[in-house]
């Protein structure tokens, strides 16, 4: 079925697995890119989806990135 109530996403990140110290503000559903100014290091990222009523999904699978 089509997804009709997606309002946006939040990106969570931190320096250890599944411990996200920071997050972005909600990003509009159509926004496909975000730029973060982070110091060098290893970061763990996950995303959640938010519907029109403000309900937030569970975390996505985690990805790791060396900056």
PDB file of N, CA and C in Angstrom:
ATOM      1  N   UNK A   1       0.837  -1.184   0.000  1.00  0.00           N
ATOM      2  CA  UNK A   1       0.000   0.000   0.000  1.00  0.00           C
ATOM      3  C   UNK A   1       0.880   1.245   0.000  1.00  0.00           C
ATOM      4  N   UNK A   2       0.421   2.295  -0.621  1.00  0.00           N
ATOM      5  CA  UNK A   2       1.204   3.529  -0.666  1.00  0.00           C
ATOM      6  C   UNK A   2       1.351   4.147   0.726  1.00  0.00           C
ATOM      7  N   UNK A   3       2.472   4.752   0.952  1.00  0.00           N
ATOM      8  CA  UNK A   3       2.725   5.462   2.199  1.00  0.00           C
ATOM      9  C   UNK A   3       2.186   6.877   2.047  1.00  0.00           C
ATOM     10  N   UNK A   4       1.176   7.233   2.828  1.00  0.00           N
ATOM     11  CA  UNK A   4       0.513   8.521   2.623  1.00  0.00           C
ATOM     12  C   UNK A   4       0.685   9.501   3.775  1.00  0.00           C
ATOM     13  N   UNK A   5       1.207   9.055   4.917  1.00  0.00           N
ATOM     14  CA  UNK A   5       1.282   9.959   6.071  1.00  0.00           C
ATOM     15  C   UNK A   5       2.704  10.216   6.560  1.00  0.00           C
ATOM     16  N   UNK A   6       3.708  10.027   5.698  1.00  0.00           N
ATOM     17  CA  UNK A   6       5.084  10.285   6.080  1.00  0.00           C
ATOM     18  C   UNK A   6       5.339  11.790   6.114  1.00  0.00           C
ATOM     19  N   UNK A   7       5.727  12.302   7.276  1.00  0.00           N
ATOM     20  CA  UNK A   7       6.014  13.730   7.418  1.00  0.00           C
ATOM     21  C   UNK A   7       7.493  14.025   7.231  1.00  0.00           C
ATOM     22  N   UNK A   8       8.352  13.109   7.683  1.00  0.00           N
ATOM     23  CA  UNK A   8       9.779  13.374   7.566  1.00  0.00           C
ATOM     24  C   UNK A   8      10.619  12.324   8.264  1.00  0.00           C
ATOM     25  N   UNK A   9      11.886  12.681   8.458  1.00  0.00           N
ATOM     26  CA  UNK A   9      12.881  11.781   9.037  1.00  0.00           C
ATOM     27  C   UNK A   9      13.711  12.529  10.069  1.00  0.00           C
ATOM     28  N   UNK A  10      14.319  11.778  10.975  1.00  0.00           N
ATOM     29  CA  UNK A  10      15.348  12.305  11.871  1.00  0.00           C
ATOM     30  C   UNK A  10      16.570  11.434  11.715  1.00  0.00           C
ATOM     31  N   UNK A  11      17.734  12.049  11.716  1.00  0.00           N
ATOM     32  CA  UNK A  11      19.001  11.327  11.652  1.00  0.00           C
ATOM     33  C   UNK A  11      19.639  11.406  13.033  1.00  0.00           C
ATOM     34  N   UNK A  12      19.957  10.258  13.594  1.00  0.00           N
ATOM     35  CA  UNK A  12      20.611  10.163  14.895  1.00  0.00           C
ATOM     36  C   UNK A  12      22.053   9.735  14.685  1.00  0.00           C
ATOM     37  N   UNK A  13      22.965  10.268  15.511  1.00  0.00           N
ATOM     38  CA  UNK A  13      24.370   9.887  15.360  1.00  0.00           C
ATOM     39  C   UNK A  13      25.107  10.039  16.683  1.00  0.00           C
ATOM     40  N   UNK A  14      26.187   9.274  16.798  1.00  0.00           N
ATOM     41  CA  UNK A  14      27.012   9.307  18.000  1.00  0.00           C
ATOM     42  C   UNK A  14      28.307   8.579  17.762  1.00  0.00           C
ATOM     43  N   UNK A  15      29.151   8.547  18.769  1.00  0.00           N
ATOM     44  CA  UNK A  15      30.480   7.965  18.629  1.00  0.00           C
ATOM     45  C   UNK A  15      30.573   6.521  19.112  1.00  0.00           C
ATOM     46  N   UNK A  16      29.449   5.929  19.511  1.00  0.00           N
ATOM     47  CA  UNK A  16      29.453   4.502  19.848  1.00  0.00           C
ATOM     48  C   UNK A  16      28.141   3.869  19.382  1.00  0.00           C
ATOM     49  N   UNK A  17      28.205   2.593  19.126  1.00  0.00           N
ATOM     50  CA  UNK A  17      27.080   1.871  18.550  1.00  0.00           C
ATOM     51  C   UNK A  17      25.833   1.947  19.430  1.00  0.00           C
ATOM     52  N   UNK A  18      24.711   2.318  18.792  1.00  0.00           N
ATOM     53  CA  UNK A  18      23.389   2.401  19.428  1.00  0.00           C
ATOM     54  C   UNK A  18      23.343   3.352  20.616  1.00  0.00           C
ATOM     55  N   UNK A  19      24.307   4.265  20.684  1.00  0.00           N
ATOM     56  CA  UNK A  19      24.295   5.333  21.681  1.00  0.00           C
ATOM     57  C   UNK A  19      24.398   6.637  20.925  1.00  0.00           C
ATOM     58  N   UNK A  20      23.255   7.205  20.576  1.00  0.00           N
ATOM     59  CA  UNK A  20      23.221   8.389  19.732  1.00  0.00           C
ATOM     60  C   UNK A  20      23.100   9.629  20.609  1.00  0.00           C
ATOM     61  N   UNK A  21      24.170  10.409  20.645  1.00  0.00           N
ATOM     62  CA  UNK A  21      24.216  11.603  21.472  1.00  0.00           C
ATOM     63  C   UNK A  21      23.547  12.797  20.820  1.00  0.00           C
ATOM     64  N   UNK A  22      23.406  12.762  19.507  1.00  0.00           N
ATOM     65  CA  UNK A  22      22.867  13.908  18.777  1.00  0.00           C
ATOM     66  C   UNK A  22      21.860  13.461  17.730  1.00  0.00           C
ATOM     67  N   UNK A  23      21.045  14.421  17.283  1.00  0.00           N
ATOM     68  CA  UNK A  23      20.116  14.153  16.195  1.00  0.00           C
ATOM     69  C   UNK A  23      19.847  15.443  15.448  1.00  0.00           C
ATOM     70  N   UNK A  24      19.361  15.309  14.248  1.00  0.00           N
ATOM     71  CA  UNK A  24      18.952  16.473  13.474  1.00  0.00           C
ATOM     72  C   UNK A  24      17.523  16.829  13.848  1.00  0.00           C
ATOM     73  N   UNK A  25      17.114  18.023  13.463  1.00  0.00           N
ATOM     74  CA  UNK A  25      15.700  18.361  13.526  1.00  0.00           C
ATOM     75  C   UNK A  25      14.995  17.495  12.486  1.00  0.00           C
ATOM     76  N   UNK A  26      13.684  17.429  12.543  1.00  0.00           N
ATOM     77  CA  UNK A  26      12.974  16.626  11.555  1.00  0.00           C
ATOM     78  C   UNK A  26      13.225  17.189  10.154  1.00  0.00           C
ATOM     79  N   UNK A  27      13.590  16.318   9.246  1.00  0.00           N
ATOM     80  CA  UNK A  27      13.829  16.681   7.855  1.00  0.00           C
ATOM     81  C   UNK A  27      12.582  16.367   7.052  1.00  0.00           C
ATOM     82  N   UNK A  28      12.182  17.225   6.129  1.00  0.00           N
ATOM     83  CA  UNK A  28      11.000  16.945   5.312  1.00  0.00           C
ATOM     84  C   UNK A  28      11.147  15.632   4.551  1.00  0.00           C
ATOM     85  N   UNK A  29      10.035  14.976   4.303  1.00  0.00           N
ATOM     86  CA  UNK A  29      10.046  13.665   3.648  1.00  0.00           C
ATOM     87  C   UNK A  29      10.771  13.683   2.310  1.00  0.00           C
ATOM     88  N   UNK A  30      10.726  14.765   1.566  1.00  0.00           N
ATOM     89  CA  UNK A  30      11.366  14.822   0.252  1.00  0.00           C
ATOM     90  C   UNK A  30      12.835  15.166   0.280  1.00  0.00           C
ATOM     91  N   UNK A  31      13.386  15.494   1.449  1.00  0.00           N
ATOM     92  CA  UNK A  31      14.802  15.861   1.526  1.00  0.00           C
ATOM     93  C   UNK A  31      15.655  14.604   1.512  1.00  0.00           C
ATOM     94  N   UNK A  32      16.553  14.507   0.542  1.00  0.00           N
ATOM     95  CA  UNK A  32      17.330  13.289   0.365  1.00  0.00           C
ATOM     96  C   UNK A  32      18.779  13.438   0.787  1.00  0.00           C
ATOM     97  N   UNK A  33      19.164  14.611   1.249  1.00  0.00           N
ATOM     98  CA  UNK A  33      20.562  14.836   1.591  1.00  0.00           C
ATOM     99  C   UNK A  33      20.649  15.776   2.784  1.00  0.00           C
ATOM    100  N   UNK A  34      21.641  15.546   3.639  1.00  0.00           N
ATOM    101  CA  UNK A  34      21.903  16.434   4.767  1.00  0.00           C
ATOM    102  C   UNK A  34      23.413  16.538   4.923  1.00  0.00           C
ATOM    103  N   UNK A  35      23.879  17.707   5.334  1.00  0.00           N
ATOM    104  CA  UNK A  35      25.303  17.912   5.550  1.00  0.00           C
ATOM    105  C   UNK A  35      25.519  18.227   7.029  1.00  0.00           C
ATOM    106  N   UNK A  36      26.420  17.477   7.652  1.00  0.00           N
ATOM    107  CA  UNK A  36      26.758  17.691   9.055  1.00  0.00           C
ATOM    108  C   UNK A  36      28.233  18.045   9.151  1.00  0.00           C
ATOM    109  N   UNK A  37      28.577  19.033   9.943  1.00  0.00           N
ATOM    110  CA  UNK A  37      29.977  19.398  10.178  1.00  0.00           C
ATOM    111  C   UNK A  37      30.431  18.694  11.453  1.00  0.00           C
ATOM    112  N   UNK A  38      31.120  17.582  11.278  1.00  0.00           N
ATOM    113  CA  UNK A  38      31.555  16.771  12.417  1.00  0.00           C
ATOM    114  C   UNK A  38      33.078  16.712  12.466  1.00  0.00           C
ATOM    115  N   UNK A  39      33.653  16.718  13.665  1.00  0.00           N
ATOM    116  CA  UNK A  39      35.099  16.540  13.771  1.00  0.00           C
ATOM    117  C   UNK A  39      35.493  15.123  13.347  1.00  0.00           C
ATOM    118  N   UNK A  40      36.764  14.938  13.068  1.00  0.00           N
ATOM    119  CA  UNK A  40      37.259  13.622  12.653  1.00  0.00           C
ATOM    120  C   UNK A  40      36.929  12.574  13.712  1.00  0.00           C
ATOM    121  N   UNK A  41      36.635  11.384  13.261  1.00  0.00           N
ATOM    122  CA  UNK A  41      36.336  10.282  14.163  1.00  0.00           C
ATOM    123  C   UNK A  41      35.418   9.280  13.508  1.00  0.00           C
ATOM    124  N   UNK A  42      35.042   8.263  14.255  1.00  0.00           N
ATOM    125  CA  UNK A  42      34.127   7.235  13.771  1.00  0.00           C
ATOM    126  C   UNK A  42      32.736   7.545  14.315  1.00  0.00           C
ATOM    127  N   UNK A  43      31.748   7.529  13.444  1.00  0.00           N
ATOM    128  CA  UNK A  43      30.382   7.860  13.827  1.00  0.00           C
ATOM    129  C   UNK A  43      29.416   6.752  13.427  1.00  0.00           C
ATOM    130  N   UNK A  44      28.392   6.593  14.239  1.00  0.00           N
ATOM    131  CA  UNK A  44      27.332   5.614  14.021  1.00  0.00           C
ATOM    132  C   UNK A  44      26.052   6.394  13.741  1.00  0.00           C
ATOM    133  N   UNK A  45      25.335   5.991  12.703  1.00  0.00           N
ATOM    134  CA  UNK A  45      24.144   6.715  12.270  1.00  0.00           C
ATOM    135  C   UNK A  45      22.946   5.775  12.174  1.00  0.00           C
ATOM    136  N   UNK A  46      21.781   6.305  12.499  1.00  0.00           N
ATOM    137  CA  UNK A  46      20.516   5.606  12.287  1.00  0.00           C
ATOM    138  C   UNK A  46      19.465   6.663  11.951  1.00  0.00           C
ATOM    139  N   UNK A  47      18.395   6.223  11.319  1.00  0.00           N
ATOM    140  CA  UNK A  47      17.327   7.117  10.885  1.00  0.00           C
ATOM    141  C   UNK A  47      16.002   6.612  11.424  1.00  0.00           C
ATOM    142  N   UNK A  48      15.112   7.545  11.749  1.00  0.00           N
ATOM    143  CA  UNK A  48      13.734   7.193  12.080  1.00  0.00           C
ATOM    144  C   UNK A  48      12.801   7.925  11.122  1.00  0.00           C
ATOM    145  N   UNK A  49      11.624   7.379  10.938  1.00  0.00           N
ATOM    146  CA  UNK A  49      10.576   8.021  10.141  1.00  0.00           C
ATOM    147  C   UNK A  49       9.537   8.597  11.099  1.00  0.00           C
ATOM    148  N   UNK A  50       8.945   9.725  10.706  1.00  0.00           N
ATOM    149  CA  UNK A  50       7.942  10.394  11.532  1.00  0.00           C
ATOM    150  C   UNK A  50       6.694  10.621  10.686  1.00  0.00           C
ATOM    151  N   UNK A  51       5.538  10.244  11.242  1.00  0.00           N
ATOM    152  CA  UNK A  51       4.301  10.415  10.474  1.00  0.00           C
ATOM    153  C   UNK A  51       3.656  11.767  10.776  1.00  0.00           C
ATOM    154  N   UNK A  52       2.549  12.031  10.117  1.00  0.00           N
ATOM    155  CA  UNK A  52       1.855  13.315  10.247  1.00  0.00           C
ATOM    156  C   UNK A  52       1.400  13.623  11.675  1.00  0.00           C
ATOM    157  N   UNK A  53       1.206  12.591  12.485  1.00  0.00           N
ATOM    158  CA  UNK A  53       0.769  12.790  13.867  1.00  0.00           C
ATOM    159  C   UNK A  53       1.928  12.917  14.836  1.00  0.00           C
ATOM    160  N   UNK A  54       3.171  12.833  14.331  1.00  0.00           N
ATOM    161  CA  UNK A  54       4.350  12.962  15.186  1.00  0.00           C
ATOM    162  C   UNK A  54       4.862  11.653  15.752  1.00  0.00           C
ATOM    163  N   UNK A  55       4.259  10.531  15.348  1.00  0.00           N
ATOM    164  CA  UNK A  55       4.740   9.228  15.810  1.00  0.00           C
ATOM    165  C   UNK A  55       6.068   8.925  15.124  1.00  0.00           C
ATOM    166  N   UNK A  56       7.018   8.419  15.902  1.00  0.00           N
ATOM    167  CA  UNK A  56       8.359   8.140  15.381  1.00  0.00           C
ATOM    168  C   UNK A  56       8.603   6.630  15.362  1.00  0.00           C
ATOM    169  N   UNK A  57       9.178   6.157  14.272  1.00  0.00           N
ATOM    170  CA  UNK A  57       9.451   4.731  14.129  1.00  0.00           C
ATOM    171  C   UNK A  57      10.649   4.321  14.986  1.00  0.00           C
ATOM    172  N   UNK A  58      10.904   3.043  15.008  1.00  0.00           N
ATOM    173  CA  UNK A  58      12.131   2.527  15.614  1.00  0.00           C
ATOM    174  C   UNK A  58      13.313   2.937  14.743  1.00  0.00           C
ATOM    175  N   UNK A  59      14.520   2.819  15.283  1.00  0.00           N
ATOM    176  CA  UNK A  59      15.723   3.133  14.512  1.00  0.00           C
ATOM    177  C   UNK A  59      15.869   2.189  13.320  1.00  0.00           C
ATOM    178  N   UNK A  60      16.416   2.729  12.254  1.00  0.00           N
ATOM    179  CA  UNK A  60      16.792   1.914  11.102  1.00  0.00           C
ATOM    180  C   UNK A  60      18.005   1.061  11.452  1.00  0.00           C
ATOM    181  N   UNK A  61      18.441   0.252  10.520  1.00  0.00           N
ATOM    182  CA  UNK A  61      19.735  -0.404  10.691  1.00  0.00           C
ATOM    183  C   UNK A  61      20.807   0.668  10.821  1.00  0.00           C
ATOM    184  N   UNK A  62      21.828   0.375  11.571  1.00  0.00           N
ATOM    185  CA  UNK A  62      22.893   1.332  11.835  1.00  0.00           C
ATOM    186  C   UNK A  62      23.974   1.266  10.755  1.00  0.00           C
ATOM    187  N   UNK A  63      24.531   2.424  10.440  1.00  0.00           N
ATOM    188  CA  UNK A  63      25.693   2.473   9.540  1.00  0.00           C
ATOM    189  C   UNK A  63      26.823   3.182  10.275  1.00  0.00           C
ATOM    190  N   UNK A  64      28.061   2.852   9.901  1.00  0.00           N
ATOM    191  CA  UNK A  64      29.243   3.417  10.522  1.00  0.00           C
ATOM    192  C   UNK A  64      30.017   4.164   9.457  1.00  0.00           C
ATOM    193  N   UNK A  65      30.514   5.349   9.818  1.00  0.00           N
ATOM    194  CA  UNK A  65      31.280   6.161   8.874  1.00  0.00           C
ATOM    195  C   UNK A  65      32.489   6.766   9.576  1.00  0.00           C
ATOM    196  N   UNK A  66      33.666   6.630   8.974  1.00  0.00           N
ATOM    197  CA  UNK A  66      34.871   7.277   9.464  1.00  0.00           C
ATOM    198  C   UNK A  66      34.977   8.644   8.808  1.00  0.00           C
ATOM    199  N   UNK A  67      35.059   9.691   9.592  1.00  0.00           N
ATOM    200  CA  UNK A  67      35.164  11.060   9.083  1.00  0.00           C
ATOM    201  C   UNK A  67      36.610  11.489   9.138  1.00  0.00           C
TER     202      UNK A  67
END
